[in-house]
Protein backbone atom coordinates (compact mmCIF):
# COMPACT_ATOMS: atom_id res chain seq x y z
CA MET A 1 -29.77 -6.65 16.98
CA LYS A 2 -32.20 -3.80 16.20
CA VAL A 3 -30.01 -2.71 13.29
CA LEU A 4 -30.07 -6.27 11.88
CA ILE A 5 -33.88 -6.47 12.15
CA LYS A 6 -34.22 -3.06 10.50
CA GLU A 7 -31.95 -4.15 7.67
CA GLN A 8 -33.88 -7.39 7.12
CA THR A 9 -37.18 -5.46 7.12
CA MET A 10 -35.81 -3.04 4.53
CA ARG A 11 -34.75 -5.93 2.31
CA ILE A 12 -38.19 -7.53 2.50
CA VAL A 13 -39.90 -4.22 1.70
CA ILE A 14 -37.70 -3.68 -1.36
CA ILE A 15 -38.28 -7.21 -2.63
CA LEU A 16 -42.04 -6.86 -2.13
CA ILE A 17 -42.08 -3.55 -4.00
CA LEU A 18 -40.23 -5.15 -6.89
CA ILE A 19 -42.61 -8.10 -6.95
CA ILE A 20 -45.62 -5.76 -6.98
CA ILE A 21 -44.08 -3.83 -9.86
CA SER A 22 -43.58 -7.13 -11.67
CA PHE A 23 -47.23 -8.11 -11.20
CA LEU A 24 -48.38 -4.70 -12.44
CA LEU A 25 -46.23 -5.13 -15.50
CA ILE A 26 -47.70 -8.61 -16.03
CA TYR A 27 -51.17 -7.12 -15.87
CA SER A 28 -50.19 -4.36 -18.26
CA PHE A 29 -48.54 -6.59 -20.85
CA GLU A 30 -50.84 -9.61 -20.63
CA LEU A 31 -54.31 -8.16 -20.20
CA ILE A 32 -54.01 -4.68 -21.71
CA LEU A 33 -51.33 -4.96 -24.41
CA LYS A 34 -52.09 -8.64 -25.08
CA THR A 35 -48.42 -9.58 -25.35
CA SER A 36 -46.20 -11.85 -23.31
CA ILE A 37 -42.80 -10.86 -24.76
CA LEU A 38 -41.51 -9.12 -21.63
CA VAL A 39 -43.54 -10.83 -18.91
CA ALA A 40 -41.04 -13.28 -17.42
CA HIS A 41 -38.09 -10.94 -17.74
CA PHE A 42 -39.43 -8.51 -15.15
CA PHE A 43 -39.06 -11.21 -12.54
CA TYR A 44 -35.31 -11.50 -12.97
CA PHE A 45 -34.35 -8.34 -11.11
CA PRO A 46 -36.16 -9.06 -7.82
CA SER A 47 -34.96 -12.68 -8.06
CA ILE A 48 -31.31 -11.74 -8.49
CA LEU A 49 -31.53 -9.10 -5.76
CA ALA A 50 -33.09 -11.56 -3.32
CA CYS A 51 -30.43 -14.20 -4.02
CA LEU A 52 -27.64 -11.68 -3.61
CA TRP A 53 -29.02 -10.59 -0.26
CA TRP A 54 -30.10 -13.90 1.23
CA LYS A 55 -28.02 -16.34 -0.82
CA LYS A 56 -29.68 -19.79 -0.77
CA LYS A 57 -32.60 -18.55 1.30
CA GLY A 58 -33.26 -16.03 -1.44
CA LEU A 59 -34.17 -18.85 -3.83
CA ILE A 60 -37.68 -18.75 -2.39
CA VAL A 61 -38.33 -15.57 -4.39
CA PRO A 62 -37.54 -16.91 -7.92
CA VAL A 63 -39.28 -20.23 -7.08
CA PHE A 64 -42.37 -18.37 -5.91
CA LEU A 65 -42.40 -16.05 -8.91
CA ALA A 66 -41.87 -18.93 -11.33
CA ALA A 67 -44.79 -20.84 -9.79
CA VAL A 68 -47.02 -17.77 -9.95
CA LEU A 69 -46.07 -17.21 -13.58
CA ILE A 70 -46.87 -20.80 -14.58
CA VAL A 71 -50.16 -20.91 -12.69
CA PHE A 72 -51.13 -17.53 -14.08
CA HIS A 73 -50.69 -18.69 -17.66
CA ILE A 74 -52.45 -22.02 -17.05
CA ILE A 75 -55.47 -20.09 -15.80
CA LEU A 76 -55.37 -17.77 -18.81
CA ASP A 77 -54.93 -20.47 -21.39
CA TYR A 78 -57.16 -23.19 -19.84
CA GLY A 79 -54.66 -25.65 -21.15
CA ILE A 80 -51.72 -27.60 -19.88
CA PHE A 81 -49.81 -28.91 -22.88
CA ASN A 82 -50.03 -26.04 -25.36
CA LEU A 83 -46.82 -24.40 -26.57
CA GLU A 84 -47.43 -21.14 -24.72
CA THR A 85 -47.75 -22.94 -21.38
CA ILE A 86 -44.59 -24.96 -22.06
CA ASN A 87 -42.82 -21.75 -23.01
CA ASN A 88 -43.86 -20.12 -19.77
CA PHE A 89 -42.89 -23.22 -17.85
CA LEU A 90 -39.39 -23.00 -19.34
CA ARG A 91 -39.27 -19.33 -18.43
CA GLY A 92 -40.15 -20.22 -14.87
CA ILE A 93 -37.44 -22.87 -14.78
CA SER A 94 -34.99 -20.30 -16.13
CA LEU A 95 -35.88 -18.02 -13.22
CA ILE A 96 -35.04 -20.79 -10.77
CA VAL A 97 -31.76 -21.54 -12.57
CA VAL A 98 -30.78 -17.87 -12.58
CA GLY A 99 -31.57 -17.61 -8.90
CA LEU A 100 -29.57 -20.76 -8.17
CA VAL A 101 -26.53 -19.54 -10.11
CA VAL A 102 -26.68 -16.11 -8.51
CA SER A 103 -27.03 -17.58 -5.01
CA ILE A 104 -24.08 -19.93 -5.57
CA LEU A 105 -21.93 -17.11 -6.95
CA SER A 106 -23.03 -14.82 -4.15
CA GLY A 107 -22.07 -17.38 -1.53
CA HIS A 108 -18.75 -18.00 -3.27
CA ILE A 109 -17.98 -14.28 -3.45
CA MET A 110 -18.98 -13.83 0.18
CA ARG A 111 -16.67 -16.66 1.30
CA ARG A 112 -13.80 -15.20 -0.72
CA GLN A 113 -14.50 -11.77 0.76
CA VAL A 114 -14.40 -13.18 4.28
CA GLU A 115 -11.15 -15.01 3.51
CA PHE A 116 -9.69 -11.85 1.97
CA ASN A 117 -10.67 -9.78 5.01
CA GLU A 118 -9.10 -12.36 7.31
CA ILE A 119 -5.87 -12.37 5.28
CA MET A 120 -5.73 -8.56 5.29
CA GLU A 121 -6.32 -8.50 9.04
CA ASP A 122 -3.56 -11.08 9.56
CA LEU A 123 -1.21 -9.01 7.40
CA ARG A 124 -2.09 -5.86 9.33
CA ARG A 125 -1.42 -7.55 12.67
CA SER A 126 1.77 -9.11 11.33
CA ASN A 127 2.98 -5.75 10.07
CA GLU A 128 2.23 -4.10 13.40
CA ASP A 129 3.98 -6.93 15.26
CA LEU A 130 7.05 -6.65 13.02
CA GLN A 131 7.20 -2.89 13.47
CA GLN A 132 6.86 -3.25 17.21
CA PHE A 133 9.49 -5.98 17.27
CA ALA A 134 11.88 -3.84 15.21
CA TYR A 135 11.33 -0.90 17.54
CA VAL A 136 11.78 -2.89 20.75
CA ALA A 137 14.76 -4.85 19.44
CA SER A 138 16.47 -1.74 18.11
CA HIS A 139 15.81 0.26 21.26
CA ASP A 140 16.83 -2.47 23.72
CA LEU A 141 19.97 -3.49 21.83
CA GLN A 142 21.52 -0.04 21.97
CA GLU A 143 22.30 -0.20 25.68
CA PRO A 144 24.43 -3.41 25.63
CA LEU A 145 26.25 -2.12 22.55
CA ARG A 146 27.07 1.12 24.32
CA ALA A 147 28.37 -0.96 27.24
CA ILE A 148 30.61 -2.99 24.90
CA VAL A 149 32.08 0.17 23.37
CA SER A 150 32.58 1.85 26.76
CA PHE A 151 34.25 -1.13 28.44
CA SER A 152 36.40 -1.81 25.39
CA GLN A 153 37.68 1.75 25.52
CA LEU A 154 38.22 1.52 29.29
CA LEU A 155 40.13 -1.73 28.78
CA GLU A 156 42.33 -0.10 26.17
CA ASP A 157 42.93 3.05 28.25
CA ASN A 158 43.58 1.37 31.61
CA TYR A 159 45.64 -1.56 30.38
CA LYS A 160 47.32 -0.11 27.30
CA ASP A 161 50.78 -0.78 28.81
CA LYS A 162 49.92 -4.43 29.44
CA ILE A 163 48.23 -5.17 26.11
CA ASP A 164 50.36 -6.06 23.12
CA LYS A 165 49.76 -5.00 19.53
CA ASP A 166 47.47 -7.95 18.76
CA GLY A 167 45.37 -7.27 21.87
CA LYS A 168 44.93 -3.62 20.88
CA GLU A 169 43.92 -4.70 17.41
CA PHE A 170 41.34 -7.11 18.85
CA ILE A 171 39.90 -4.35 21.03
CA HIS A 172 39.73 -2.10 17.98
CA PHE A 173 37.77 -4.78 16.10
CA ILE A 174 35.36 -5.14 19.01
CA THR A 175 34.82 -1.38 19.29
CA ASP A 176 34.49 -0.87 15.55
CA GLY A 177 32.03 -3.76 15.22
CA ALA A 178 29.92 -2.47 18.11
CA LYS A 179 29.83 1.03 16.61
CA LYS A 180 28.75 -0.33 13.23
CA MET A 181 26.09 -2.45 14.88
CA ASN A 182 24.87 0.57 16.81
CA THR A 183 24.59 2.56 13.57
CA LEU A 184 22.66 -0.28 11.96
CA ILE A 185 20.29 -0.48 14.91
CA LYS A 186 19.67 3.28 14.83
CA ASP A 187 18.84 3.08 11.13
CA LEU A 188 16.53 0.13 11.75
CA LEU A 189 14.85 2.07 14.56
CA THR A 190 14.38 5.03 12.18
CA TYR A 191 12.86 2.71 9.58
CA SER A 192 10.38 1.23 12.07
CA ARG A 193 9.35 4.69 13.28
CA ILE A 194 8.32 5.99 9.85
CA THR A 195 4.75 4.80 10.39
CA THR A 196 4.62 4.25 14.15
CA HIS A 197 6.02 7.67 15.11
CA ALA A 198 4.86 9.75 12.14
CA GLN A 199 3.97 13.36 12.90
CA PRO A 200 0.80 15.07 11.61
CA SER A 201 1.40 16.73 8.25
CA LYS A 202 1.39 20.52 7.98
CA MET A 203 1.82 23.04 5.17
CA TYR A 204 5.53 23.71 4.54
CA ASN A 205 7.59 25.36 1.87
CA LEU A 206 9.76 22.48 0.69
CA GLU A 207 12.60 24.89 -0.01
CA ILE A 208 12.95 25.42 3.75
CA ILE A 209 12.90 21.66 4.32
CA LEU A 210 15.48 21.11 1.56
CA ASN A 211 17.76 23.79 3.03
CA ASP A 212 17.52 22.10 6.44
CA ALA A 213 18.64 18.83 4.82
CA ILE A 214 21.51 20.62 3.08
CA PHE A 215 22.53 22.25 6.36
CA ASN A 216 22.67 18.83 8.05
CA LEU A 217 25.10 17.68 5.34
CA GLN A 218 27.41 20.70 5.52
CA GLU A 219 30.43 18.67 6.58
CA SER A 220 30.25 16.22 3.68
CA ILE A 221 29.33 19.04 1.27
CA LYS A 222 32.47 20.99 2.18
CA GLU A 223 34.60 17.86 2.04
CA SER A 224 33.34 16.85 -1.41
CA GLY A 225 32.98 20.34 -2.88
CA VAL A 226 29.59 19.38 -4.34
CA GLU A 227 27.48 22.02 -6.07
CA ILE A 228 23.76 21.68 -5.21
CA THR A 229 21.06 23.48 -7.20
CA TYR A 230 17.29 23.13 -7.16
CA ASP A 231 14.10 24.33 -8.84
CA GLU A 232 11.54 26.49 -7.10
CA MET A 233 9.97 24.26 -4.47
CA PRO A 234 6.19 24.05 -3.86
CA VAL A 235 4.31 24.50 -0.60
CA LEU A 236 2.83 21.14 0.39
CA LYS A 237 1.27 19.42 3.39
CA VAL A 238 3.96 17.03 4.60
CA ASP A 239 5.69 15.61 7.65
CA LYS A 240 8.64 18.00 7.99
CA THR A 241 10.95 15.62 9.85
CA GLN A 242 10.46 12.81 7.39
CA PHE A 243 10.90 15.02 4.33
CA ILE A 244 14.16 16.39 5.73
CA GLN A 245 15.21 12.78 6.11
CA LEU A 246 14.06 11.98 2.56
CA PHE A 247 16.06 14.78 0.94
CA GLN A 248 19.01 14.17 3.23
CA ASN A 249 19.22 10.46 2.33
CA LEU A 250 19.02 11.10 -1.41
CA LEU A 251 21.57 13.94 -1.30
CA SER A 252 23.88 11.92 0.93
CA ASN A 253 23.77 9.04 -1.56
CA SER A 254 24.64 11.32 -4.44
CA ILE A 255 27.56 12.81 -2.49
CA LYS A 256 28.81 9.43 -1.33
CA PHE A 257 28.81 7.86 -4.79
CA ARG A 258 30.43 10.76 -6.60
CA SER A 259 32.88 10.30 -9.44
CA GLN A 260 36.23 11.98 -10.14
CA GLU A 261 34.48 14.91 -11.82
CA PRO A 262 33.48 17.98 -9.75
CA PRO A 263 30.24 16.71 -8.15
CA ARG A 264 26.97 18.38 -9.08
CA ILE A 265 23.45 17.65 -7.83
CA HIS A 266 20.21 19.18 -9.07
CA ILE A 267 16.79 18.72 -7.44
CA GLY A 268 13.97 19.19 -9.92
CA VAL A 269 10.21 19.31 -9.40
CA LYS A 270 7.10 19.63 -11.54
CA LYS A 271 3.38 19.07 -11.08
CA ILE A 272 1.54 16.49 -13.20
CA ASN A 273 -2.22 16.62 -12.55
CA ASP A 274 -2.61 15.90 -8.80
CA GLU A 275 0.86 14.46 -8.26
CA TRP A 276 4.24 16.10 -7.78
CA LEU A 277 7.26 14.60 -9.53
CA PHE A 278 10.65 15.21 -7.91
CA SER A 279 14.06 14.29 -9.26
CA VAL A 280 17.53 14.22 -7.69
CA LYS A 281 20.11 14.14 -10.48
CA ASP A 282 23.88 13.72 -10.01
CA ASN A 283 26.96 13.11 -12.13
CA GLY A 284 28.31 10.32 -9.93
CA ILE A 285 29.50 6.80 -10.63
CA GLY A 286 26.08 5.59 -11.81
CA ILE A 287 24.31 2.26 -11.36
CA GLU A 288 23.97 -0.73 -13.64
CA SER A 289 20.37 -1.34 -14.73
CA LYS A 290 20.32 -4.91 -13.35
CA PHE A 291 20.45 -3.47 -9.81
CA PHE A 292 17.58 -0.97 -10.18
CA ASP A 293 14.88 -3.16 -8.62
CA LYS A 294 17.05 -4.27 -5.69
CA LEU A 295 18.18 -0.82 -4.55
CA PHE A 296 15.13 -0.22 -2.38
CA ASN A 297 15.28 -3.56 -0.55
CA ILE A 298 16.22 -3.20 3.09
CA PHE A 299 19.89 -3.98 3.89
CA TYR A 300 20.73 -4.38 0.18
CA ARG A 301 24.15 -2.98 -0.73
CA LEU A 302 25.85 -2.64 -4.11
CA HIS A 303 29.29 -2.11 -2.59
CA THR A 304 31.22 -3.48 0.36
CA LYS A 305 31.45 -1.52 3.59
CA GLU A 306 35.17 -1.06 2.94
CA GLU A 307 34.41 0.70 -0.36
CA TYR A 308 31.49 2.83 0.85
CA PRO A 309 30.20 3.01 4.45
CA GLY A 310 26.50 2.57 5.18
CA THR A 311 23.85 0.12 6.30
CA GLY A 312 21.66 -0.22 3.20
CA ILE A 313 18.60 1.29 4.89
CA GLY A 314 18.68 4.82 3.45
CA LEU A 315 16.76 4.14 0.24
CA PRO A 316 14.20 1.79 1.88
CA ILE A 317 13.50 4.62 4.35
CA CYS A 318 12.93 6.98 1.39
CA LYS A 319 10.58 4.45 -0.20
CA LYS A 320 8.58 4.01 2.98
CA ILE A 321 8.22 7.78 3.46
CA ILE A 322 7.03 8.25 -0.12
CA GLN A 323 4.50 5.43 0.23
CA ARG A 324 2.80 7.46 2.97
CA TYR A 325 1.89 9.96 0.25
CA GLY A 326 0.63 7.43 -2.29
CA GLY A 327 3.76 7.85 -4.40
CA LYS A 328 6.56 5.69 -5.75
CA ILE A 329 10.32 5.99 -6.18
CA TRP A 330 12.59 4.70 -8.92
CA VAL A 331 15.99 5.35 -10.46
CA GLU A 332 17.29 5.96 -13.95
CA SER A 333 21.02 5.65 -14.42
CA GLU A 334 23.84 4.74 -16.76
CA PHE A 335 26.93 3.23 -15.23
CA GLY A 336 29.71 5.81 -15.13
CA LYS A 337 27.42 8.69 -16.13
CA GLY A 338 25.47 9.54 -13.01
CA SER A 339 22.02 8.71 -11.63
CA THR A 340 18.64 10.36 -11.29
CA PHE A 341 16.31 9.31 -8.50
CA PHE A 342 12.66 10.13 -9.18
CA PHE A 343 9.82 10.09 -6.68
CA THR A 344 6.18 11.13 -6.81
CA ILE A 345 3.85 12.15 -4.02
CA PHE A 346 0.11 12.75 -3.77
CA PRO A 347 -0.29 15.14 -0.80
CA LYS A 348 -4.05 14.40 -0.69
CA LYS A 349 -3.28 10.70 -0.07
CA ASN A 350 -1.09 11.33 2.94
CA LYS A 351 -1.57 8.45 5.40
CA SER A 352 -1.06 10.51 8.54
């Protein structure tokens, strides 16, 4: 309450100072310089300011100033219908019109601002609710899925002599489906944790982080025979766990979608003003341009699960990590000739 009163008092003081300045200027121009070219115009600023602050209530300022201006000139001219008085009367009316327009626009802008703030707050709450729902659903669903897998295996082991070929195949479908669902849930849980369970950023040499990601992929690297090279990496303030995940997802994609040629991957980096531009280039199967915009949508897949395993969450996870650093991610590719994934980050914009 005290803050509100103090703010109102400050507004009144500022308006009064501006009005006094206007009167001094009237005195200067009218009585000393004997000109009325700029008289009315010095009233516009306090009028507009008052209407912006108090909206419709602020109209009292331009109305008051307009009345003072008209009366002032009537007294000076000792006439009512001369051209100068009419001119000043029109100037006074213009003050009122300006104040009215400004007050209406101010009220309109204020209402839109309130609506915008309410929408943003609703979006924030909705986003938090969705993240919490994804976390709870993912976490709670893992236990029944583990039970399905365990009891299916027990059923197969304990009754394998009593179950025919079709029964064993059905059990295999149940187990395989539960395992795939469990993988999907884990990926969804990882996606929801990017913002809710983010760690504070610290200074790291990204070469160490990249090597950790490469180490985690040793099995698929040996199996594919891929050659991985990279530029000299910078030292940046990042979330180590998430950047390992970022590099790991992009490298894993390049390895997975390799072509018949000996696979090669190169990670490039360069600084452009305050942002860092990274690239992950491969010589894999490539991507058709019509799919570029859809790649980063959650659960979107270009290929069937029979062709290439996965859940379609890897690239959306990369996108969400990069967004924490004010960056963006995109792909350039030619079908059959490999792909290059680019991403930028602004370490100073890290939303830790």
